[in-house]
Amino acid sequence: MDVTPIPGAALGAVVHGSHVTGDMDRSQSEEIWAALDAHLVLVFRGHETPSYEEFLAFGRRFGHIPKTGLTSGAHPDHNEILIVSNLTENGRKIGVGDAAWMDWHTDYSFRPRVSQVGFLEALEVPPSGGGQTLFTDMYALYETLPPEERRRLHSYRVRHGLRTGYEETIEEELQGEVSLGGSSGLIQPEDGTSTVHPLIARNPRTGRRSVYVSTLNTKRILDLAPDESRKLLDELLSHAGRPEYTYAHTWQPGDIVMWDQLGTVHAKQPFDPAERRLMRQVVSIFDDPADPWHAEVAV
């Protein structure tokens, strides 16, 4: 397996020679983990296109893959696989998404068991090169803050909610707010369309800390007045998209991109709606919902 950093990019590497199925040996999966921790975004190329079952099995080597809970927009036989597309068939959308800009987010931040790794595969891409996916390093944001600011941010709790207007696409029994410590019952992988998390997350593998907020799903810092919350969130989120912290991925058919969901936020560039874009996505979540929140004392 060859891992080559992307020239001139703030993060990211291209991977050749990897099997993107579930039958890889432990040494290869550990090699991929190490590359992900080093580069945050991995672009797999030069492999055979996996079946839906193989794509799902590959993702499961890096954590539990929950069902999406969607009543439409997921694969009909594998609800864990999200279809991301602007296409319609017989007058109905075949997935979720459109050709417009999609703002900064990290998947499943609105659930108590958040995502640790994302996997997105390009089946059809706009020939113009539009529809790029942008990734911004939120570990770097934390690490560039003054120590006193880091300590302050560790004391804050943030509410995350599903993108407005999408609630009705989630199965009714999975809706509502579910937060750690808020219930004596077992938290299911698909639970919740709103939750509360600490503002600072910690990667349990590397110990690196990130500022865990996004434009799309972060609603409010609960420990501040609404206007103060909005001001601080705007300041933190102004980091997203800065060239020195961001990689813009131009898709090629067959690309599978794997990324660290705890330490990055991502967004989608718009493209001509007359062009076709068809992707499939799975995400892995933390087995223990408390894993990203075992923060050490800030220094």
C-alpha atoms as a PDB file:
ATOM      1  CA  MET A   1       0.000   0.000   0.000  1.00  0.00           C
ATOM      2  CA  ASP A   2       1.401   3.371  -1.045  1.00  0.00           C
ATOM      3  CA  VAL A   3       0.399   6.543   0.835  1.00  0.00           C
ATOM      4  CA  THR A   4       1.453   9.796  -0.847  1.00  0.00           C
ATOM      5  CA  PRO A   5       0.713  13.220   0.682  1.00  0.00           C
ATOM      6  CA  ILE A   6      -1.169  15.505  -1.696  1.00  0.00           C
ATOM      7  CA  PRO A   7       1.301  18.124  -2.982  1.00  0.00           C
ATOM      8  CA  GLY A   8       0.567  21.642  -1.742  1.00  0.00           C
ATOM      9  CA  ALA A   9      -2.451  20.570   0.319  1.00  0.00           C
ATOM     10  CA  ALA A  10      -2.886  21.416   3.993  1.00  0.00           C
ATOM     11  CA  LEU A  11      -4.025  17.846   4.662  1.00  0.00           C
ATOM     12  CA  GLY A  12      -4.789  14.670   2.749  1.00  0.00           C
ATOM     13  CA  ALA A  13      -2.984  11.785   1.034  1.00  0.00           C
ATOM     14  CA  VAL A  14      -3.651   9.476  -1.924  1.00  0.00           C
ATOM     15  CA  VAL A  15      -3.650   5.732  -1.260  1.00  0.00           C
ATOM     16  CA  HIS A  16      -2.877   3.150  -3.970  1.00  0.00           C
ATOM     17  CA  GLY A  17      -2.705  -0.612  -3.578  1.00  0.00           C
ATOM     18  CA  SER A  18      -5.315  -1.057  -0.862  1.00  0.00           C
ATOM     19  CA  HIS A  19      -8.188  -3.549  -0.926  1.00  0.00           C
ATOM     20  CA  VAL A  20     -11.422  -1.672  -0.211  1.00  0.00           C
ATOM     21  CA  THR A  21     -13.299  -4.725   1.015  1.00  0.00           C
ATOM     22  CA  GLY A  22     -13.836  -6.219   4.437  1.00  0.00           C
ATOM     23  CA  ASP A  23     -11.315  -9.038   4.017  1.00  0.00           C
ATOM     24  CA  MET A  24      -8.154  -6.993   4.563  1.00  0.00           C
ATOM     25  CA  ASP A  25      -5.825  -8.278   7.246  1.00  0.00           C
ATOM     26  CA  ARG A  26      -5.265  -6.517  10.556  1.00  0.00           C
ATOM     27  CA  SER A  27      -1.899  -5.078   9.553  1.00  0.00           C
ATOM     28  CA  GLN A  28      -3.419  -3.275   6.581  1.00  0.00           C
ATOM     29  CA  SER A  29      -6.292  -1.833   8.618  1.00  0.00           C
ATOM     30  CA  GLU A  30      -3.773  -0.603  11.201  1.00  0.00           C
ATOM     31  CA  GLU A  31      -1.700   0.946   8.408  1.00  0.00           C
ATOM     32  CA  ILE A  32      -4.793   2.777   7.174  1.00  0.00           C
ATOM     33  CA  TRP A  33      -5.588   3.986  10.708  1.00  0.00           C
ATOM     34  CA  ALA A  34      -2.053   5.355  11.026  1.00  0.00           C
ATOM     35  CA  ALA A  35      -2.299   7.111   7.656  1.00  0.00           C
ATOM     36  CA  LEU A  36      -5.665   8.600   8.602  1.00  0.00           C
ATOM     37  CA  ASP A  37      -4.311   9.926  11.900  1.00  0.00           C
ATOM     38  CA  ALA A  38      -1.374  11.485  10.048  1.00  0.00           C
ATOM     39  CA  HIS A  39      -3.246  13.003   7.085  1.00  0.00           C
ATOM     40  CA  LEU A  40      -6.939  13.238   8.237  1.00  0.00           C
ATOM     41  CA  VAL A  41      -8.199  12.653   4.669  1.00  0.00           C
ATOM     42  CA  LEU A  42      -7.318   9.625   2.506  1.00  0.00           C
ATOM     43  CA  VAL A  43      -8.177   9.301  -1.190  1.00  0.00           C
ATOM     44  CA  PHE A  44      -8.273   5.652  -2.333  1.00  0.00           C
ATOM     45  CA  ARG A  45      -7.578   5.120  -6.035  1.00  0.00           C
ATOM     46  CA  GLY A  46      -6.579   2.287  -8.350  1.00  0.00           C
ATOM     47  CA  HIS A  47      -8.836  -0.340  -6.763  1.00  0.00           C
ATOM     48  CA  GLU A  48     -11.677  -2.448  -8.115  1.00  0.00           C
ATOM     49  CA  THR A  49     -15.096  -0.913  -7.556  1.00  0.00           C
ATOM     50  CA  PRO A  50     -16.570  -2.615  -4.492  1.00  0.00           C
ATOM     51  CA  SER A  51     -20.096  -3.982  -4.386  1.00  0.00           C
ATOM     52  CA  TYR A  52     -22.520  -2.418  -1.924  1.00  0.00           C
ATOM     53  CA  GLU A  53     -21.796  -5.294   0.449  1.00  0.00           C
ATOM     54  CA  GLU A  54     -18.023  -4.872   0.074  1.00  0.00           C
ATOM     55  CA  PHE A  55     -18.230  -1.104   0.566  1.00  0.00           C
ATOM     56  CA  LEU A  56     -20.192  -1.656   3.771  1.00  0.00           C
ATOM     57  CA  ALA A  57     -17.771  -4.341   4.968  1.00  0.00           C
ATOM     58  CA  PHE A  58     -14.792  -2.039   4.326  1.00  0.00           C
ATOM     59  CA  GLY A  59     -16.354   0.679   6.474  1.00  0.00           C
ATOM     60  CA  ARG A  60     -17.051  -1.808   9.263  1.00  0.00           C
ATOM     61  CA  ARG A  61     -13.326  -2.478   9.632  1.00  0.00           C
ATOM     62  CA  PHE A  62     -13.166   1.033  11.146  1.00  0.00           C
ATOM     63  CA  GLY A  63     -16.098   0.980  13.546  1.00  0.00           C
ATOM     64  CA  HIS A  64     -19.791   0.308  13.799  1.00  0.00           C
ATOM     65  CA  ILE A  65     -21.820   1.490  10.788  1.00  0.00           C
ATOM     66  CA  PRO A  66     -25.288   2.548  11.989  1.00  0.00           C
ATOM     67  CA  LYS A  67     -28.404   2.626   9.873  1.00  0.00           C
ATOM     68  CA  THR A  68     -29.216   6.081   8.571  1.00  0.00           C
ATOM     69  CA  GLY A  69     -32.741   5.932   9.977  1.00  0.00           C
ATOM     70  CA  LEU A  70     -33.941   7.576   6.761  1.00  0.00           C
ATOM     71  CA  THR A  71     -37.281   6.676   5.245  1.00  0.00           C
ATOM     72  CA  SER A  72     -35.965   7.775   1.839  1.00  0.00           C
ATOM     73  CA  GLY A  73     -32.517   8.530   0.433  1.00  0.00           C
ATOM     74  CA  ALA A  74     -30.771   5.373   1.661  1.00  0.00           C
ATOM     75  CA  HIS A  75     -30.049   2.192  -0.275  1.00  0.00           C
ATOM     76  CA  PRO A  76     -33.246   0.096  -0.287  1.00  0.00           C
ATOM     77  CA  ASP A  77     -31.463  -3.083   0.853  1.00  0.00           C
ATOM     78  CA  HIS A  78     -28.751  -1.526   3.038  1.00  0.00           C
ATOM     79  CA  ASN A  79     -30.123   1.382   5.072  1.00  0.00           C
ATOM     80  CA  GLU A  80     -26.587   2.019   6.377  1.00  0.00           C
ATOM     81  CA  ILE A  81     -25.590   3.321   2.940  1.00  0.00           C
ATOM     82  CA  LEU A  82     -26.632   6.878   2.123  1.00  0.00           C
ATOM     83  CA  ILE A  83     -27.162   7.744  -1.546  1.00  0.00           C
ATOM     84  CA  VAL A  84     -25.928  11.301  -2.206  1.00  0.00           C
ATOM     85  CA  SER A  85     -27.171  12.637  -5.528  1.00  0.00           C
ATOM     86  CA  ASN A  86     -28.983  15.370  -7.421  1.00  0.00           C
ATOM     87  CA  LEU A  87     -30.625  12.797  -9.720  1.00  0.00           C
ATOM     88  CA  THR A  88     -34.289  11.872 -10.040  1.00  0.00           C
ATOM     89  CA  GLU A  89     -35.828   8.729 -11.489  1.00  0.00           C
ATOM     90  CA  ASN A  90     -39.508   8.456 -12.372  1.00  0.00           C
ATOM     91  CA  GLY A  91     -40.061  11.873 -10.835  1.00  0.00           C
ATOM     92  CA  ARG A  92     -38.516  10.966  -7.450  1.00  0.00           C
ATOM     93  CA  LYS A  93     -35.092  11.776  -5.989  1.00  0.00           C
ATOM     94  CA  ILE A  94     -32.936   8.690  -5.710  1.00  0.00           C
ATOM     95  CA  GLY A  95     -30.941  10.027  -2.761  1.00  0.00           C
ATOM     96  CA  VAL A  96     -30.343  13.133  -0.656  1.00  0.00           C
ATOM     97  CA  GLY A  97     -28.704  16.389  -1.639  1.00  0.00           C
ATOM     98  CA  ASP A  98     -28.743  18.691  -4.638  1.00  0.00           C
ATOM     99  CA  ALA A  99     -26.380  20.784  -6.750  1.00  0.00           C
ATOM    100  CA  ALA A 100     -26.239  23.727  -4.329  1.00  0.00           C
ATOM    101  CA  TRP A 101     -23.552  24.643  -1.794  1.00  0.00           C
ATOM    102  CA  MET A 102     -23.743  22.471   1.352  1.00  0.00           C
ATOM    103  CA  ASP A 103     -22.390  24.195   4.423  1.00  0.00           C
ATOM    104  CA  TRP A 104     -19.710  23.014   6.849  1.00  0.00           C
ATOM    105  CA  HIS A 105     -20.653  20.010   8.978  1.00  0.00           C
ATOM    106  CA  THR A 106     -19.494  16.712  10.424  1.00  0.00           C
ATOM    107  CA  ASP A 107     -21.859  13.777  10.108  1.00  0.00           C
ATOM    108  CA  TYR A 108     -24.039  12.668  13.011  1.00  0.00           C
ATOM    109  CA  SER A 109     -22.949  15.443  15.372  1.00  0.00           C
ATOM    110  CA  PHE A 110     -26.666  15.663  16.220  1.00  0.00           C
ATOM    111  CA  ARG A 111     -26.586  12.133  17.687  1.00  0.00           C
ATOM    112  CA  PRO A 112     -25.112  11.125  21.069  1.00  0.00           C
ATOM    113  CA  ARG A 113     -22.910   8.509  19.338  1.00  0.00           C
ATOM    114  CA  VAL A 114     -21.035  10.735  16.899  1.00  0.00           C
ATOM    115  CA  SER A 115     -19.163   9.665  13.787  1.00  0.00           C
ATOM    116  CA  GLN A 116     -15.459   8.896  13.913  1.00  0.00           C
ATOM    117  CA  VAL A 117     -14.804   8.126  10.217  1.00  0.00           C
ATOM    118  CA  GLY A 118     -16.604   8.992   6.987  1.00  0.00           C
ATOM    119  CA  PHE A 119     -16.420   7.139   3.650  1.00  0.00           C
ATOM    120  CA  LEU A 120     -17.710   8.676   0.419  1.00  0.00           C
ATOM    121  CA  GLU A 121     -17.425   7.032  -2.998  1.00  0.00           C
ATOM    122  CA  ALA A 122     -17.886   8.706  -6.382  1.00  0.00           C
ATOM    123  CA  LEU A 123     -19.940   6.694  -8.872  1.00  0.00           C
ATOM    124  CA  GLU A 124     -20.701   9.600 -11.255  1.00  0.00           C
ATOM    125  CA  VAL A 125     -19.167  13.078 -11.058  1.00  0.00           C
ATOM    126  CA  PRO A 126     -19.782  16.379 -12.875  1.00  0.00           C
ATOM    127  CA  PRO A 127     -17.472  16.504 -15.912  1.00  0.00           C
ATOM    128  CA  SER A 128     -16.815  20.193 -15.183  1.00  0.00           C
ATOM    129  CA  GLY A 129     -15.045  19.290 -11.935  1.00  0.00           C
ATOM    130  CA  GLY A 130     -17.731  20.987  -9.841  1.00  0.00           C
ATOM    131  CA  GLY A 131     -19.128  19.493  -6.671  1.00  0.00           C
ATOM    132  CA  GLN A 132     -15.752  19.451  -4.916  1.00  0.00           C
ATOM    133  CA  THR A 133     -15.729  18.360  -1.285  1.00  0.00           C
ATOM    134  CA  LEU A 134     -13.791  20.651   1.075  1.00  0.00           C
ATOM    135  CA  PHE A 135     -12.189  19.449   4.315  1.00  0.00           C
ATOM    136  CA  THR A 136     -10.963  21.796   7.061  1.00  0.00           C
ATOM    137  CA  ASP A 137      -8.679  20.755   9.936  1.00  0.00           C
ATOM    138  CA  MET A 138     -10.357  21.539  13.283  1.00  0.00           C
ATOM    139  CA  TYR A 139      -7.477  20.077  15.297  1.00  0.00           C
ATOM    140  CA  ALA A 140      -5.355  22.873  13.858  1.00  0.00           C
ATOM    141  CA  LEU A 141      -7.887  25.436  15.043  1.00  0.00           C
ATOM    142  CA  TYR A 142      -7.640  24.178  18.630  1.00  0.00           C
ATOM    143  CA  GLU A 143      -3.862  23.962  18.506  1.00  0.00           C
ATOM    144  CA  THR A 144      -3.472  27.566  17.321  1.00  0.00           C
ATOM    145  CA  LEU A 145      -5.660  29.050  20.082  1.00  0.00           C
ATOM    146  CA  PRO A 146      -4.023  30.748  23.079  1.00  0.00           C
ATOM    147  CA  PRO A 147      -3.930  28.513  26.212  1.00  0.00           C
ATOM    148  CA  GLU A 148      -6.405  30.700  28.105  1.00  0.00           C
ATOM    149  CA  GLU A 149      -8.883  30.474  25.225  1.00  0.00           C
ATOM    150  CA  ARG A 150      -8.549  26.688  25.132  1.00  0.00           C
ATOM    151  CA  ARG A 151      -9.318  26.448  28.850  1.00  0.00           C
ATOM    152  CA  ARG A 152     -12.394  28.628  28.417  1.00  0.00           C
ATOM    153  CA  LEU A 153     -13.730  26.544  25.528  1.00  0.00           C
ATOM    154  CA  HIS A 154     -13.389  23.347  27.570  1.00  0.00           C
ATOM    155  CA  SER A 155     -16.097  24.626  29.917  1.00  0.00           C
ATOM    156  CA  TYR A 156     -18.771  25.018  27.222  1.00  0.00           C
ATOM    157  CA  ARG A 157     -21.542  22.676  26.090  1.00  0.00           C
ATOM    158  CA  VAL A 158     -23.062  22.911  22.623  1.00  0.00           C
ATOM    159  CA  ARG A 159     -26.391  21.790  21.186  1.00  0.00           C
ATOM    160  CA  HIS A 160     -26.273  20.113  17.769  1.00  0.00           C
ATOM    161  CA  GLY A 161     -29.397  19.518  15.710  1.00  0.00           C
ATOM    162  CA  LEU A 162     -30.308  17.855  12.443  1.00  0.00           C
ATOM    163  CA  ARG A 163     -30.431  20.214   9.488  1.00  0.00           C
ATOM    164  CA  THR A 164     -33.746  22.082   9.550  1.00  0.00           C
ATOM    165  CA  GLY A 165     -36.300  20.533   7.227  1.00  0.00           C
ATOM    166  CA  TYR A 166     -34.783  17.035   7.369  1.00  0.00           C
ATOM    167  CA  GLU A 167     -36.530  15.884  10.552  1.00  0.00           C
ATOM    168  CA  GLU A 168     -39.443  14.372   8.659  1.00  0.00           C
ATOM    169  CA  THR A 169     -37.076  12.109   6.686  1.00  0.00           C
ATOM    170  CA  ILE A 170     -35.973  10.306   9.884  1.00  0.00           C
ATOM    171  CA  GLU A 171     -38.040   7.451  11.268  1.00  0.00           C
ATOM    172  CA  GLU A 172     -40.362   8.896  13.901  1.00  0.00           C
ATOM    173  CA  GLU A 173     -39.171   6.690  16.769  1.00  0.00           C
ATOM    174  CA  LEU A 174     -35.605   7.973  16.301  1.00  0.00           C
ATOM    175  CA  GLN A 175     -36.487  11.674  16.533  1.00  0.00           C
ATOM    176  CA  GLY A 176     -36.039  13.953  19.528  1.00  0.00           C
ATOM    177  CA  GLU A 177     -33.210  15.065  21.797  1.00  0.00           C
ATOM    178  CA  VAL A 178     -30.985  12.398  23.310  1.00  0.00           C
ATOM    179  CA  SER A 179     -27.883  13.359  25.295  1.00  0.00           C
ATOM    180  CA  LEU A 180     -25.339  11.510  27.401  1.00  0.00           C
ATOM    181  CA  GLY A 181     -26.474  11.335  31.002  1.00  0.00           C
ATOM    182  CA  GLY A 182     -29.976  12.380  30.073  1.00  0.00           C
ATOM    183  CA  SER A 183     -31.457   8.906  30.178  1.00  0.00           C
ATOM    184  CA  SER A 184     -30.891   5.711  32.101  1.00  0.00           C
ATOM    185  CA  GLY A 185     -31.639   3.654  28.993  1.00  0.00           C
ATOM    186  CA  LEU A 186     -29.096   2.299  26.530  1.00  0.00           C
ATOM    187  CA  ILE A 187     -28.298   4.785  23.764  1.00  0.00           C
ATOM    188  CA  GLN A 188     -28.979   3.188  20.405  1.00  0.00           C
ATOM    189  CA  PRO A 189     -26.741   3.979  17.403  1.00  0.00           C
ATOM    190  CA  GLU A 190     -29.532   5.714  15.479  1.00  0.00           C
ATOM    191  CA  ASP A 191     -31.045   7.641  18.396  1.00  0.00           C
ATOM    192  CA  GLY A 192     -31.744  11.337  18.249  1.00  0.00           C
ATOM    193  CA  THR A 193     -32.019  14.317  15.945  1.00  0.00           C
ATOM    194  CA  SER A 194     -30.667  16.712  18.609  1.00  0.00           C
ATOM    195  CA  THR A 195     -28.098  16.335  21.355  1.00  0.00           C
ATOM    196  CA  VAL A 196     -25.667  18.241  23.604  1.00  0.00           C
ATOM    197  CA  HIS A 197     -21.887  17.713  23.464  1.00  0.00           C
ATOM    198  CA  PRO A 198     -18.863  19.476  24.959  1.00  0.00           C
ATOM    199  CA  LEU A 199     -17.429  22.081  22.600  1.00  0.00           C
ATOM    200  CA  ILE A 200     -14.000  20.410  22.656  1.00  0.00           C
ATOM    201  CA  ALA A 201     -13.616  16.808  21.469  1.00  0.00           C
ATOM    202  CA  ARG A 202     -10.594  14.543  21.987  1.00  0.00           C
ATOM    203  CA  ASN A 203      -9.461  11.828  19.602  1.00  0.00           C
ATOM    204  CA  PRO A 204      -9.080   8.734  21.826  1.00  0.00           C
ATOM    205  CA  ARG A 205      -6.436   7.221  19.511  1.00  0.00           C
ATOM    206  CA  THR A 206      -4.107  10.215  19.226  1.00  0.00           C
ATOM    207  CA  GLY A 207      -5.077  12.510  22.104  1.00  0.00           C
ATOM    208  CA  ARG A 208      -5.449  15.467  19.727  1.00  0.00           C
ATOM    209  CA  ARG A 209      -8.268  17.873  20.541  1.00  0.00           C
ATOM    210  CA  SER A 210     -10.573  19.581  18.083  1.00  0.00           C
ATOM    211  CA  VAL A 211     -13.117  22.385  18.178  1.00  0.00           C
ATOM    212  CA  TYR A 212     -16.288  20.366  17.598  1.00  0.00           C
ATOM    213  CA  VAL A 213     -18.663  22.835  15.958  1.00  0.00           C
ATOM    214  CA  SER A 214     -20.083  23.271  12.468  1.00  0.00           C
ATOM    215  CA  THR A 215     -22.097  25.791  10.513  1.00  0.00           C
ATOM    216  CA  LEU A 216     -24.839  23.381   9.505  1.00  0.00           C
ATOM    217  CA  ASN A 217     -25.638  21.558  12.743  1.00  0.00           C
ATOM    218  CA  THR A 218     -24.341  23.564  15.714  1.00  0.00           C
ATOM    219  CA  LYS A 219     -27.267  25.470  17.177  1.00  0.00           C
ATOM    220  CA  ARG A 220     -26.013  27.191  20.310  1.00  0.00           C
ATOM    221  CA  ILE A 221     -23.424  27.262  23.106  1.00  0.00           C
ATOM    222  CA  LEU A 222     -25.675  26.617  26.102  1.00  0.00           C
ATOM    223  CA  ASP A 223     -23.432  28.340  28.636  1.00  0.00           C
ATOM    224  CA  LEU A 224     -23.588  31.730  26.890  1.00  0.00           C
ATOM    225  CA  ALA A 225     -26.344  34.193  26.119  1.00  0.00           C
ATOM    226  CA  PRO A 226     -27.688  33.773  22.566  1.00  0.00           C
ATOM    227  CA  ASP A 227     -25.882  36.806  21.151  1.00  0.00           C
ATOM    228  CA  GLU A 228     -22.581  35.833  22.829  1.00  0.00           C
ATOM    229  CA  SER A 229     -22.996  32.266  21.592  1.00  0.00           C
ATOM    230  CA  ARG A 230     -23.537  33.444  18.012  1.00  0.00           C
ATOM    231  CA  LYS A 231     -20.519  35.757  18.146  1.00  0.00           C
ATOM    232  CA  LEU A 232     -18.170  33.055  19.439  1.00  0.00           C
ATOM    233  CA  LEU A 233     -19.443  30.418  17.004  1.00  0.00           C
ATOM    234  CA  ASP A 234     -18.962  32.838  14.113  1.00  0.00           C
ATOM    235  CA  GLU A 235     -15.395  33.529  15.253  1.00  0.00           C
ATOM    236  CA  LEU A 236     -14.577  29.821  15.524  1.00  0.00           C
ATOM    237  CA  LEU A 237     -16.246  28.914  12.249  1.00  0.00           C
ATOM    238  CA  SER A 238     -14.409  31.637  10.334  1.00  0.00           C
ATOM    239  CA  HIS A 239     -11.540  29.119  10.386  1.00  0.00           C
ATOM    240  CA  ALA A 240     -13.444  26.770   8.061  1.00  0.00           C
ATOM    241  CA  GLY A 241     -12.340  27.089   4.453  1.00  0.00           C
ATOM    242  CA  ARG A 242      -9.126  29.005   5.065  1.00  0.00           C
ATOM    243  CA  PRO A 243      -6.604  27.732   2.498  1.00  0.00           C
ATOM    244  CA  GLU A 244      -3.902  27.055   5.077  1.00  0.00           C
ATOM    245  CA  TYR A 245      -6.225  24.582   6.861  1.00  0.00           C
ATOM    246  CA  THR A 246      -8.306  23.211   3.972  1.00  0.00           C
ATOM    247  CA  TYR A 247      -8.086  20.570   1.256  1.00  0.00           C
ATOM    248  CA  ALA A 248     -10.435  20.801  -1.765  1.00  0.00           C
ATOM    249  CA  HIS A 249     -11.031  17.385  -3.318  1.00  0.00           C
ATOM    250  CA  THR A 250     -11.884  17.249  -7.017  1.00  0.00           C
ATOM    251  CA  TRP A 251     -13.586  13.917  -7.577  1.00  0.00           C
ATOM    252  CA  GLN A 252     -12.634  11.276 -10.107  1.00  0.00           C
ATOM    253  CA  PRO A 253     -14.988   8.363 -10.827  1.00  0.00           C
ATOM    254  CA  GLY A 254     -14.163   5.504  -8.463  1.00  0.00           C
ATOM    255  CA  ASP A 255     -12.570   7.673  -5.753  1.00  0.00           C
ATOM    256  CA  ILE A 256     -13.279   6.576  -2.195  1.00  0.00           C
ATOM    257  CA  VAL A 257     -12.467   9.302   0.320  1.00  0.00           C
ATOM    258  CA  MET A 258     -12.065   8.383   3.987  1.00  0.00           C
ATOM    259  CA  TRP A 259     -11.809  11.140   6.573  1.00  0.00           C
ATOM    260  CA  ASP A 260     -11.523  11.845  10.294  1.00  0.00           C
ATOM    261  CA  GLN A 261     -14.971  13.108  11.332  1.00  0.00           C
ATOM    262  CA  LEU A 262     -13.912  14.214  14.818  1.00  0.00           C
ATOM    263  CA  GLY A 263     -11.100  16.494  13.683  1.00  0.00           C
ATOM    264  CA  THR A 264     -12.460  17.925  10.429  1.00  0.00           C
ATOM    265  CA  VAL A 265     -15.545  19.580   9.034  1.00  0.00           C
ATOM    266  CA  HIS A 266     -16.493  19.247   5.372  1.00  0.00           C
ATOM    267  CA  ALA A 267     -18.616  21.094   2.829  1.00  0.00           C
ATOM    268  CA  LYS A 268     -19.691  20.670  -0.798  1.00  0.00           C
ATOM    269  CA  GLN A 269     -19.061  23.152  -3.584  1.00  0.00           C
ATOM    270  CA  PRO A 270     -22.024  23.853  -5.909  1.00  0.00           C
ATOM    271  CA  PHE A 271     -22.160  22.530  -9.462  1.00  0.00           C
ATOM    272  CA  ASP A 272     -24.337  22.865 -12.544  1.00  0.00           C
ATOM    273  CA  PRO A 273     -27.642  21.104 -11.726  1.00  0.00           C
ATOM    274  CA  ALA A 274     -27.778  19.863 -15.327  1.00  0.00           C
ATOM    275  CA  GLU A 275     -24.735  17.688 -14.540  1.00  0.00           C
ATOM    276  CA  ARG A 276     -24.979  14.287 -12.851  1.00  0.00           C
ATOM    277  CA  ARG A 277     -23.474  13.514  -9.457  1.00  0.00           C
ATOM    278  CA  LEU A 278     -23.991  10.136  -7.771  1.00  0.00           C
ATOM    279  CA  MET A 279     -22.192   9.094  -4.590  1.00  0.00           C
ATOM    280  CA  ARG A 280     -22.605   6.540  -1.830  1.00  0.00           C
ATOM    281  CA  GLN A 281     -21.622   7.129   1.769  1.00  0.00           C
ATOM    282  CA  VAL A 282     -21.280   5.294   5.067  1.00  0.00           C
ATOM    283  CA  VAL A 283     -20.015   6.551   8.414  1.00  0.00           C
ATOM    284  CA  SER A 284     -18.600   4.706  11.410  1.00  0.00           C
ATOM    285  CA  ILE A 285     -19.453   5.801  14.936  1.00  0.00           C
ATOM    286  CA  PHE A 286     -17.749   5.424  18.302  1.00  0.00           C
ATOM    287  CA  ASP A 287     -18.651   2.226  20.146  1.00  0.00           C
ATOM    288  CA  ASP A 288     -18.701   4.084  23.467  1.00  0.00           C
ATOM    289  CA  PRO A 289     -20.593   7.391  23.108  1.00  0.00           C
ATOM    290  CA  ALA A 290     -18.372   8.937  25.797  1.00  0.00           C
ATOM    291  CA  ASP A 291     -15.085   8.168  23.989  1.00  0.00           C
ATOM    292  CA  PRO A 292     -14.637  11.587  22.288  1.00  0.00           C
ATOM    293  CA  TRP A 293     -15.427  13.490  25.469  1.00  0.00           C
ATOM    294  CA  HIS A 294     -12.813  12.098  27.868  1.00  0.00           C
ATOM    295  CA  ALA A 295     -10.921  15.375  27.637  1.00  0.00           C
ATOM    296  CA  GLU A 296      -7.787  15.904  29.664  1.00  0.00           C
ATOM    297  CA  VAL A 297      -7.136  19.205  31.378  1.00  0.00           C
ATOM    298  CA  ALA A 298      -6.403  21.882  28.776  1.00  0.00           C
ATOM    299  CA  VAL A 299      -2.864  23.214  28.659  1.00  0.00           C
END
